[in-house]
Amino acid sequence: MKLKALIVDDEFHARSNLEMLLENYCDDVEVAGSASSPSEARKILKENDVDIIFLDIKMPGEDGFQFLKSIEKKDFGVIFITAYNEYALDAFKADAIDYLEKPIDIEELIDAVEKIRKIRIAKEPITFNQDLVDLIKSVVTKQMDFEKTSIPTKDGLVIVNNQDIVHLEASESYTTIYLTDGKKYLSSKNIKIFEENLNPNIFFRTHKSHIINFAHHLKEFNRSLGNLAVMSNNKQIPVSRRKLTEFLSKINTF
């Protein structure tokens, strides 16, 4: 039987590469759609029933976990795609949930597809365990905590742990990075570049001029003086009206 698949990944080359691998090594899989964002994926799902979703974990704005939570009827297997090497995830390969590491190993791809194919052939219901997804999220997020960021300065480069960044503030084409130890660095990179490269499970752009580390350093949200995110260094960061709904959605997952 043919399995219908949906690929969700914000990187064009990653989508193209996976589609090529499926075509060459999994001839029982038909790609019903390829989406560059969760919103595009939801549109495809409205028009197509799929058996498998190949889902990138780290995407800007809405990540793979948030996308999955937004789908009510989960009658499909999920194969997460991650760039993070985490052997502890092996324990979570169960039911119709699996994961593949980038770059994708052909044998692991074939095995993951085969697992879901057997469920479909046996006409068994898809067992979808949200607790399992939450465990995968926690493992991946912990590994992301150890990521580092290089900050170009007038003297060269400063390398900092991402978990030590409290918030970032734009000033014209420059960005100031505030750290937990009270130090701050002025970078020649604009804030958009930092937004694209920082982990969206940890960092959130609250305003055109501000990014906060909401996962580690958000202390409170205060409406009394306007919509303000109060950070662990007691700095008050504005949350724009346009970003407010998404921001509240982020912090309500704690």
C-alpha atoms as a PDB file:
ATOM      1  CA  MET A   1       0.000   0.000   0.000  1.00  0.00           C
ATOM      2  CA  LYS A   2       1.076   3.572  -0.673  1.00  0.00           C
ATOM      3  CA  LEU A   3       1.638   5.812   2.331  1.00  0.00           C
ATOM      4  CA  LYS A   4       0.857   9.508   1.902  1.00  0.00           C
ATOM      5  CA  ALA A   5       3.343  11.846   3.502  1.00  0.00           C
ATOM      6  CA  LEU A   6       3.570  15.534   4.384  1.00  0.00           C
ATOM      7  CA  ILE A   7       6.967  17.214   4.830  1.00  0.00           C
ATOM      8  CA  VAL A   8       7.101  20.278   7.106  1.00  0.00           C
ATOM      9  CA  ASP A   9      10.449  22.111   7.224  1.00  0.00           C
ATOM     10  CA  ASP A  10      11.313  25.793   6.830  1.00  0.00           C
ATOM     11  CA  GLU A  11      14.484  24.952   4.858  1.00  0.00           C
ATOM     12  CA  PHE A  12      13.899  24.438   1.123  1.00  0.00           C
ATOM     13  CA  HIS A  13      16.968  22.229   0.658  1.00  0.00           C
ATOM     14  CA  ALA A  14      15.985  20.024   3.603  1.00  0.00           C
ATOM     15  CA  ARG A  15      12.516  19.479   2.097  1.00  0.00           C
ATOM     16  CA  SER A  16      13.962  18.759  -1.360  1.00  0.00           C
ATOM     17  CA  ASN A  17      16.560  16.356   0.028  1.00  0.00           C
ATOM     18  CA  LEU A  18      13.998  14.384   2.046  1.00  0.00           C
ATOM     19  CA  GLU A  19      11.643  14.214  -0.930  1.00  0.00           C
ATOM     20  CA  MET A  20      14.491  12.844  -3.055  1.00  0.00           C
ATOM     21  CA  LEU A  21      15.393  10.229  -0.419  1.00  0.00           C
ATOM     22  CA  LEU A  22      11.771   9.081  -0.187  1.00  0.00           C
ATOM     23  CA  GLU A  23      11.506   8.842  -3.964  1.00  0.00           C
ATOM     24  CA  ASN A  24      14.722   6.819  -4.251  1.00  0.00           C
ATOM     25  CA  TYR A  25      14.515   4.570  -1.193  1.00  0.00           C
ATOM     26  CA  CYS A  26      10.868   4.445  -0.060  1.00  0.00           C
ATOM     27  CA  ASP A  27       8.847   3.722  -3.177  1.00  0.00           C
ATOM     28  CA  ASP A  28       5.792   2.945  -1.054  1.00  0.00           C
ATOM     29  CA  VAL A  29       5.648   6.607   0.073  1.00  0.00           C
ATOM     30  CA  GLU A  30       3.905   9.312  -1.947  1.00  0.00           C
ATOM     31  CA  VAL A  31       4.587  12.917  -0.920  1.00  0.00           C
ATOM     32  CA  ALA A  32       1.158  14.553  -0.765  1.00  0.00           C
ATOM     33  CA  GLY A  33       2.538  17.954   0.193  1.00  0.00           C
ATOM     34  CA  SER A  34       5.591  19.923   1.219  1.00  0.00           C
ATOM     35  CA  ALA A  35       5.232  22.913   3.547  1.00  0.00           C
ATOM     36  CA  SER A  36       7.702  25.605   4.578  1.00  0.00           C
ATOM     37  CA  SER A  37       5.700  26.550   7.693  1.00  0.00           C
ATOM     38  CA  PRO A  38       3.103  25.115  10.093  1.00  0.00           C
ATOM     39  CA  SER A  39       0.402  27.433   8.704  1.00  0.00           C
ATOM     40  CA  GLU A  40       1.036  26.126   5.191  1.00  0.00           C
ATOM     41  CA  ALA A  41       1.007  22.552   6.525  1.00  0.00           C
ATOM     42  CA  ARG A  42      -2.409  23.050   8.143  1.00  0.00           C
ATOM     43  CA  LYS A  43      -3.843  24.152   4.772  1.00  0.00           C
ATOM     44  CA  ILE A  44      -2.479  21.007   3.128  1.00  0.00           C
ATOM     45  CA  LEU A  45      -3.965  18.817   5.877  1.00  0.00           C
ATOM     46  CA  LYS A  46      -7.412  20.309   5.293  1.00  0.00           C
ATOM     47  CA  GLU A  47      -7.325  18.967   1.743  1.00  0.00           C
ATOM     48  CA  ASN A  48      -5.346  15.748   2.218  1.00  0.00           C
ATOM     49  CA  ASP A  49      -5.402  12.744   4.539  1.00  0.00           C
ATOM     50  CA  VAL A  50      -1.842  11.677   5.289  1.00  0.00           C
ATOM     51  CA  ASP A  51      -0.278   8.655   6.958  1.00  0.00           C
ATOM     52  CA  ILE A  52       3.033  10.275   7.953  1.00  0.00           C
ATOM     53  CA  ILE A  53       4.187  13.781   8.794  1.00  0.00           C
ATOM     54  CA  PHE A  54       7.926  14.416   8.612  1.00  0.00           C
ATOM     55  CA  LEU A  55       8.162  17.345  11.010  1.00  0.00           C
ATOM     56  CA  ASP A  56      11.127  19.636  11.583  1.00  0.00           C
ATOM     57  CA  ILE A  57      11.469  20.513  15.266  1.00  0.00           C
ATOM     58  CA  LYS A  58      13.185  23.888  15.043  1.00  0.00           C
ATOM     59  CA  MET A  59      11.313  26.389  12.872  1.00  0.00           C
ATOM     60  CA  PRO A  60      11.015  30.168  13.299  1.00  0.00           C
ATOM     61  CA  GLY A  61       7.837  31.464  14.930  1.00  0.00           C
ATOM     62  CA  GLU A  62       5.913  28.231  15.489  1.00  0.00           C
ATOM     63  CA  ASP A  63       8.030  25.137  16.090  1.00  0.00           C
ATOM     64  CA  GLY A  64       7.160  21.512  15.355  1.00  0.00           C
ATOM     65  CA  PHE A  65       5.790  20.830  18.836  1.00  0.00           C
ATOM     66  CA  GLN A  66       3.447  23.838  18.720  1.00  0.00           C
ATOM     67  CA  PHE A  67       2.236  22.809  15.261  1.00  0.00           C
ATOM     68  CA  LEU A  68       1.467  19.294  16.458  1.00  0.00           C
ATOM     69  CA  LYS A  69      -0.466  20.622  19.439  1.00  0.00           C
ATOM     70  CA  SER A  70      -2.632  22.696  17.074  1.00  0.00           C
ATOM     71  CA  ILE A  71      -3.896  19.602  15.204  1.00  0.00           C
ATOM     72  CA  GLU A  72      -6.942  18.071  16.892  1.00  0.00           C
ATOM     73  CA  LYS A  73      -7.320  14.832  14.930  1.00  0.00           C
ATOM     74  CA  LYS A  74      -3.954  13.091  14.774  1.00  0.00           C
ATOM     75  CA  ASP A  75      -4.640  10.100  12.545  1.00  0.00           C
ATOM     76  CA  PHE A  76      -1.064   9.932  11.274  1.00  0.00           C
ATOM     77  CA  GLY A  77       2.396   8.882  12.349  1.00  0.00           C
ATOM     78  CA  VAL A  78       4.939  11.563  13.221  1.00  0.00           C
ATOM     79  CA  ILE A  79       8.613  11.412  12.361  1.00  0.00           C
ATOM     80  CA  PHE A  80      10.414  14.347  13.934  1.00  0.00           C
ATOM     81  CA  ILE A  81      13.422  15.759  12.115  1.00  0.00           C
ATOM     82  CA  THR A  82      16.099  17.211  14.374  1.00  0.00           C
ATOM     83  CA  ALA A  83      19.605  18.590  13.945  1.00  0.00           C
ATOM     84  CA  TYR A  84      20.373  17.721  17.570  1.00  0.00           C
ATOM     85  CA  ASN A  85      22.380  14.637  18.352  1.00  0.00           C
ATOM     86  CA  GLU A  86      20.721  13.203  21.449  1.00  0.00           C
ATOM     87  CA  TYR A  87      21.067   9.482  22.073  1.00  0.00           C
ATOM     88  CA  ALA A  88      18.610   9.678  24.977  1.00  0.00           C
ATOM     89  CA  LEU A  89      15.873  10.118  22.380  1.00  0.00           C
ATOM     90  CA  ASP A  90      16.267   6.450  21.426  1.00  0.00           C
ATOM     91  CA  ALA A  91      14.147   5.556  24.443  1.00  0.00           C
ATOM     92  CA  PHE A  92      11.266   7.583  23.033  1.00  0.00           C
ATOM     93  CA  LYS A  93      10.935   5.686  19.741  1.00  0.00           C
ATOM     94  CA  ALA A  94       7.546   4.126  20.300  1.00  0.00           C
ATOM     95  CA  ASP A  95       4.074   3.803  18.826  1.00  0.00           C
ATOM     96  CA  ALA A  96       3.667   6.088  15.813  1.00  0.00           C
ATOM     97  CA  ILE A  97       6.240   8.637  16.947  1.00  0.00           C
ATOM     98  CA  ASP A  98       9.826   8.536  15.785  1.00  0.00           C
ATOM     99  CA  TYR A  99      12.667  10.908  15.050  1.00  0.00           C
ATOM    100  CA  LEU A 100      15.468  11.257  12.514  1.00  0.00           C
ATOM    101  CA  GLU A 101      18.676  13.218  12.859  1.00  0.00           C
ATOM    102  CA  LYS A 102      19.957  15.598  10.202  1.00  0.00           C
ATOM    103  CA  PRO A 103      21.666  14.633   7.955  1.00  0.00           C
ATOM    104  CA  ILE A 104      19.156  11.839   7.484  1.00  0.00           C
ATOM    105  CA  ASP A 105      20.500   8.287   7.506  1.00  0.00           C
ATOM    106  CA  ILE A 106      18.856   6.223   4.734  1.00  0.00           C
ATOM    107  CA  GLU A 107      18.518   3.043   6.807  1.00  0.00           C
ATOM    108  CA  GLU A 108      16.930   4.934   9.714  1.00  0.00           C
ATOM    109  CA  LEU A 109      14.518   6.594   7.293  1.00  0.00           C
ATOM    110  CA  ILE A 110      13.485   3.225   5.859  1.00  0.00           C
ATOM    111  CA  ASP A 111      13.011   1.767   9.360  1.00  0.00           C
ATOM    112  CA  ALA A 112      10.882   4.724  10.530  1.00  0.00           C
ATOM    113  CA  VAL A 113       8.634   4.490   7.468  1.00  0.00           C
ATOM    114  CA  GLU A 114       8.354   0.711   7.880  1.00  0.00           C
ATOM    115  CA  LYS A 115       7.119   1.076  11.451  1.00  0.00           C
ATOM    116  CA  ILE A 116       4.204   3.261  10.341  1.00  0.00           C
ATOM    117  CA  ARG A 117       3.526   1.110   7.270  1.00  0.00           C
ATOM    118  CA  LYS A 118       3.036  -1.950   9.520  1.00  0.00           C
ATOM    119  CA  ILE A 119       0.520  -0.062  11.661  1.00  0.00           C
ATOM    120  CA  ARG A 120      -1.440   0.938   8.558  1.00  0.00           C
ATOM    121  CA  ILE A 121      -1.400  -2.552   7.040  1.00  0.00           C
ATOM    122  CA  ALA A 122      -2.651  -4.038  10.304  1.00  0.00           C
ATOM    123  CA  LYS A 123      -5.365  -1.345  10.271  1.00  0.00           C
ATOM    124  CA  GLU A 124      -4.499  -0.537  13.848  1.00  0.00           C
ATOM    125  CA  PRO A 125      -5.464   2.864  15.250  1.00  0.00           C
ATOM    126  CA  ILE A 126      -2.658   5.395  15.507  1.00  0.00           C
ATOM    127  CA  THR A 127      -1.438   5.559  19.099  1.00  0.00           C
ATOM    128  CA  PHE A 128      -0.462   9.144  19.691  1.00  0.00           C
ATOM    129  CA  ASN A 129       1.059   9.846  23.087  1.00  0.00           C
ATOM    130  CA  GLN A 130       1.264  13.571  23.974  1.00  0.00           C
ATOM    131  CA  ASP A 131       3.356  12.740  27.056  1.00  0.00           C
ATOM    132  CA  LEU A 132       5.911  11.177  24.721  1.00  0.00           C
ATOM    133  CA  VAL A 133       5.992  14.331  22.599  1.00  0.00           C
ATOM    134  CA  ASP A 134       6.500  16.438  25.731  1.00  0.00           C
ATOM    135  CA  LEU A 135       9.416  14.214  26.774  1.00  0.00           C
ATOM    136  CA  ILE A 136      11.064  14.611  23.373  1.00  0.00           C
ATOM    137  CA  LYS A 137      10.557  18.362  23.620  1.00  0.00           C
ATOM    138  CA  SER A 138      12.177  18.501  27.051  1.00  0.00           C
ATOM    139  CA  VAL A 139      15.220  16.503  25.912  1.00  0.00           C
ATOM    140  CA  VAL A 140      15.735  18.565  22.768  1.00  0.00           C
ATOM    141  CA  THR A 141      15.235  21.848  24.628  1.00  0.00           C
ATOM    142  CA  LYS A 142      17.795  20.849  27.270  1.00  0.00           C
ATOM    143  CA  GLN A 143      20.327  20.171  24.530  1.00  0.00           C
ATOM    144  CA  MET A 144      19.502  23.497  22.893  1.00  0.00           C
ATOM    145  CA  ASP A 145      20.305  25.159  26.233  1.00  0.00           C
ATOM    146  CA  PHE A 146      23.966  24.416  25.626  1.00  0.00           C
ATOM    147  CA  GLU A 147      24.059  26.224  22.284  1.00  0.00           C
ATOM    148  CA  LYS A 148      26.367  29.169  22.014  1.00  0.00           C
ATOM    149  CA  THR A 149      26.203  32.471  20.169  1.00  0.00           C
ATOM    150  CA  SER A 150      29.153  34.342  18.706  1.00  0.00           C
ATOM    151  CA  ILE A 151      28.902  38.108  19.102  1.00  0.00           C
ATOM    152  CA  PRO A 152      30.984  40.204  16.669  1.00  0.00           C
ATOM    153  CA  THR A 153      32.470  43.178  18.511  1.00  0.00           C
ATOM    154  CA  LYS A 154      34.928  45.915  17.541  1.00  0.00           C
ATOM    155  CA  ASP A 155      37.725  43.812  19.096  1.00  0.00           C
ATOM    156  CA  GLY A 156      36.770  40.466  17.515  1.00  0.00           C
ATOM    157  CA  LEU A 157      34.289  37.847  18.765  1.00  0.00           C
ATOM    158  CA  VAL A 158      32.786  36.986  22.152  1.00  0.00           C
ATOM    159  CA  ILE A 159      31.286  33.486  22.580  1.00  0.00           C
ATOM    160  CA  VAL A 160      28.448  33.236  25.105  1.00  0.00           C
ATOM    161  CA  ASN A 161      26.131  30.456  26.279  1.00  0.00           C
ATOM    162  CA  ASN A 162      22.607  31.113  25.036  1.00  0.00           C
ATOM    163  CA  GLN A 163      21.126  30.304  28.445  1.00  0.00           C
ATOM    164  CA  ASP A 164      23.169  33.210  29.862  1.00  0.00           C
ATOM    165  CA  ILE A 165      21.539  35.738  27.523  1.00  0.00           C
ATOM    166  CA  VAL A 166      18.752  37.607  29.353  1.00  0.00           C
ATOM    167  CA  HIS A 167      17.582  39.820  26.500  1.00  0.00           C
ATOM    168  CA  LEU A 168      18.689  41.659  23.364  1.00  0.00           C
ATOM    169  CA  GLU A 169      17.919  45.232  22.336  1.00  0.00           C
ATOM    170  CA  ALA A 170      18.195  46.799  18.876  1.00  0.00           C
ATOM    171  CA  SER A 171      19.695  50.216  18.253  1.00  0.00           C
ATOM    172  CA  GLU A 172      19.538  51.109  14.549  1.00  0.00           C
ATOM    173  CA  SER A 173      21.596  48.365  12.830  1.00  0.00           C
ATOM    174  CA  TYR A 174      23.360  47.286  16.063  1.00  0.00           C
ATOM    175  CA  THR A 175      22.236  44.966  18.867  1.00  0.00           C
ATOM    176  CA  THR A 176      23.081  45.048  22.576  1.00  0.00           C
ATOM    177  CA  ILE A 177      23.150  41.650  24.302  1.00  0.00           C
ATOM    178  CA  TYR A 178      22.541  41.630  28.076  1.00  0.00           C
ATOM    179  CA  LEU A 179      23.952  38.704  30.109  1.00  0.00           C
ATOM    180  CA  THR A 180      23.162  37.207  33.508  1.00  0.00           C
ATOM    181  CA  ASP A 181      26.423  38.464  35.033  1.00  0.00           C
ATOM    182  CA  GLY A 182      25.500  42.077  34.248  1.00  0.00           C
ATOM    183  CA  LYS A 183      27.824  42.351  31.262  1.00  0.00           C
ATOM    184  CA  LYS A 184      26.524  43.678  27.964  1.00  0.00           C
ATOM    185  CA  TYR A 185      28.001  43.533  24.479  1.00  0.00           C
ATOM    186  CA  LEU A 186      27.294  45.715  21.460  1.00  0.00           C
ATOM    187  CA  SER A 187      27.175  43.617  18.291  1.00  0.00           C
ATOM    188  CA  SER A 188      27.402  44.790  14.686  1.00  0.00           C
ATOM    189  CA  LYS A 189      24.716  42.208  13.757  1.00  0.00           C
ATOM    190  CA  ASN A 190      21.168  43.545  13.505  1.00  0.00           C
ATOM    191  CA  ILE A 191      18.495  42.018  15.721  1.00  0.00           C
ATOM    192  CA  LYS A 192      16.796  40.185  12.835  1.00  0.00           C
ATOM    193  CA  ILE A 193      19.887  37.983  12.389  1.00  0.00           C
ATOM    194  CA  PHE A 194      19.796  37.029  16.072  1.00  0.00           C
ATOM    195  CA  GLU A 195      16.053  36.292  15.833  1.00  0.00           C
ATOM    196  CA  GLU A 196      16.622  33.902  12.919  1.00  0.00           C
ATOM    197  CA  ASN A 197      19.400  32.007  14.686  1.00  0.00           C
ATOM    198  CA  LEU A 198      18.258  31.796  18.309  1.00  0.00           C
ATOM    199  CA  ASN A 199      16.131  28.875  19.488  1.00  0.00           C
ATOM    200  CA  PRO A 200      12.409  29.868  19.330  1.00  0.00           C
ATOM    201  CA  ASN A 201      11.663  27.483  22.226  1.00  0.00           C
ATOM    202  CA  ILE A 202      13.776  29.763  24.409  1.00  0.00           C
ATOM    203  CA  PHE A 203      13.807  33.227  22.821  1.00  0.00           C
ATOM    204  CA  PHE A 204      10.918  35.430  21.688  1.00  0.00           C
ATOM    205  CA  ARG A 205      10.864  38.747  19.861  1.00  0.00           C
ATOM    206  CA  THR A 206       8.398  40.800  21.884  1.00  0.00           C
ATOM    207  CA  HIS A 207       8.856  44.028  19.954  1.00  0.00           C
ATOM    208  CA  LYS A 208      10.681  45.303  16.862  1.00  0.00           C
ATOM    209  CA  SER A 209      13.561  46.323  19.154  1.00  0.00           C
ATOM    210  CA  HIS A 210      13.571  43.517  21.734  1.00  0.00           C
ATOM    211  CA  ILE A 211      14.162  39.758  22.073  1.00  0.00           C
ATOM    212  CA  ILE A 212      13.828  38.077  25.474  1.00  0.00           C
ATOM    213  CA  ASN A 213      14.955  34.736  26.882  1.00  0.00           C
ATOM    214  CA  PHE A 214      11.469  33.839  28.136  1.00  0.00           C
ATOM    215  CA  ALA A 215      12.328  30.223  29.006  1.00  0.00           C
ATOM    216  CA  HIS A 216      15.018  31.077  31.567  1.00  0.00           C
ATOM    217  CA  HIS A 217      14.793  34.743  32.516  1.00  0.00           C
ATOM    218  CA  LEU A 218      11.183  35.937  32.317  1.00  0.00           C
ATOM    219  CA  LYS A 219      10.201  36.841  35.902  1.00  0.00           C
ATOM    220  CA  GLU A 220       6.710  38.258  35.360  1.00  0.00           C
ATOM    221  CA  PHE A 221       4.343  39.867  32.881  1.00  0.00           C
ATOM    222  CA  ASN A 222       2.917  43.209  34.019  1.00  0.00           C
ATOM    223  CA  ARG A 223      -0.130  44.868  32.421  1.00  0.00           C
ATOM    224  CA  SER A 224      -0.513  47.712  34.935  1.00  0.00           C
ATOM    225  CA  LEU A 225       2.086  49.961  33.279  1.00  0.00           C
ATOM    226  CA  GLY A 226       1.443  48.653  29.791  1.00  0.00           C
ATOM    227  CA  ASN A 227       2.345  45.212  28.496  1.00  0.00           C
ATOM    228  CA  LEU A 228       5.774  44.659  30.030  1.00  0.00           C
ATOM    229  CA  ALA A 229       7.916  41.548  30.370  1.00  0.00           C
ATOM    230  CA  VAL A 230       9.947  41.829  33.581  1.00  0.00           C
ATOM    231  CA  MET A 231      13.246  39.979  33.279  1.00  0.00           C
ATOM    232  CA  SER A 232      15.521  38.392  35.890  1.00  0.00           C
ATOM    233  CA  ASN A 233      17.744  41.513  35.784  1.00  0.00           C
ATOM    234  CA  ASN A 234      14.593  43.602  36.536  1.00  0.00           C
ATOM    235  CA  LYS A 235      14.639  45.234  33.121  1.00  0.00           C
ATOM    236  CA  GLN A 236      11.121  45.908  31.793  1.00  0.00           C
ATOM    237  CA  ILE A 237      10.759  44.923  28.149  1.00  0.00           C
ATOM    238  CA  PRO A 238       7.739  46.080  26.114  1.00  0.00           C
ATOM    239  CA  VAL A 239       5.500  43.517  24.430  1.00  0.00           C
ATOM    240  CA  SER A 240       3.916  45.026  21.340  1.00  0.00           C
ATOM    241  CA  ARG A 241       0.168  44.713  20.793  1.00  0.00           C
ATOM    242  CA  ARG A 242       0.845  42.810  17.575  1.00  0.00           C
ATOM    243  CA  LYS A 243       2.943  40.236  19.451  1.00  0.00           C
ATOM    244  CA  LEU A 244       0.814  39.971  22.591  1.00  0.00           C
ATOM    245  CA  THR A 245      -1.364  36.971  21.652  1.00  0.00           C
ATOM    246  CA  GLU A 246       1.622  34.893  20.536  1.00  0.00           C
ATOM    247  CA  PHE A 247       3.580  35.926  23.633  1.00  0.00           C
ATOM    248  CA  LEU A 248       0.781  34.876  25.999  1.00  0.00           C
ATOM    249  CA  SER A 249       0.469  31.589  24.145  1.00  0.00           C
ATOM    250  CA  LYS A 250       4.196  30.969  24.669  1.00  0.00           C
ATOM    251  CA  ILE A 251       4.195  31.633  28.392  1.00  0.00           C
ATOM    252  CA  ASN A 252       0.962  29.702  28.974  1.00  0.00           C
ATOM    253  CA  THR A 253       2.797  26.505  27.983  1.00  0.00           C
ATOM    254  CA  PHE A 254       4.936  26.704  31.153  1.00  0.00           C
END
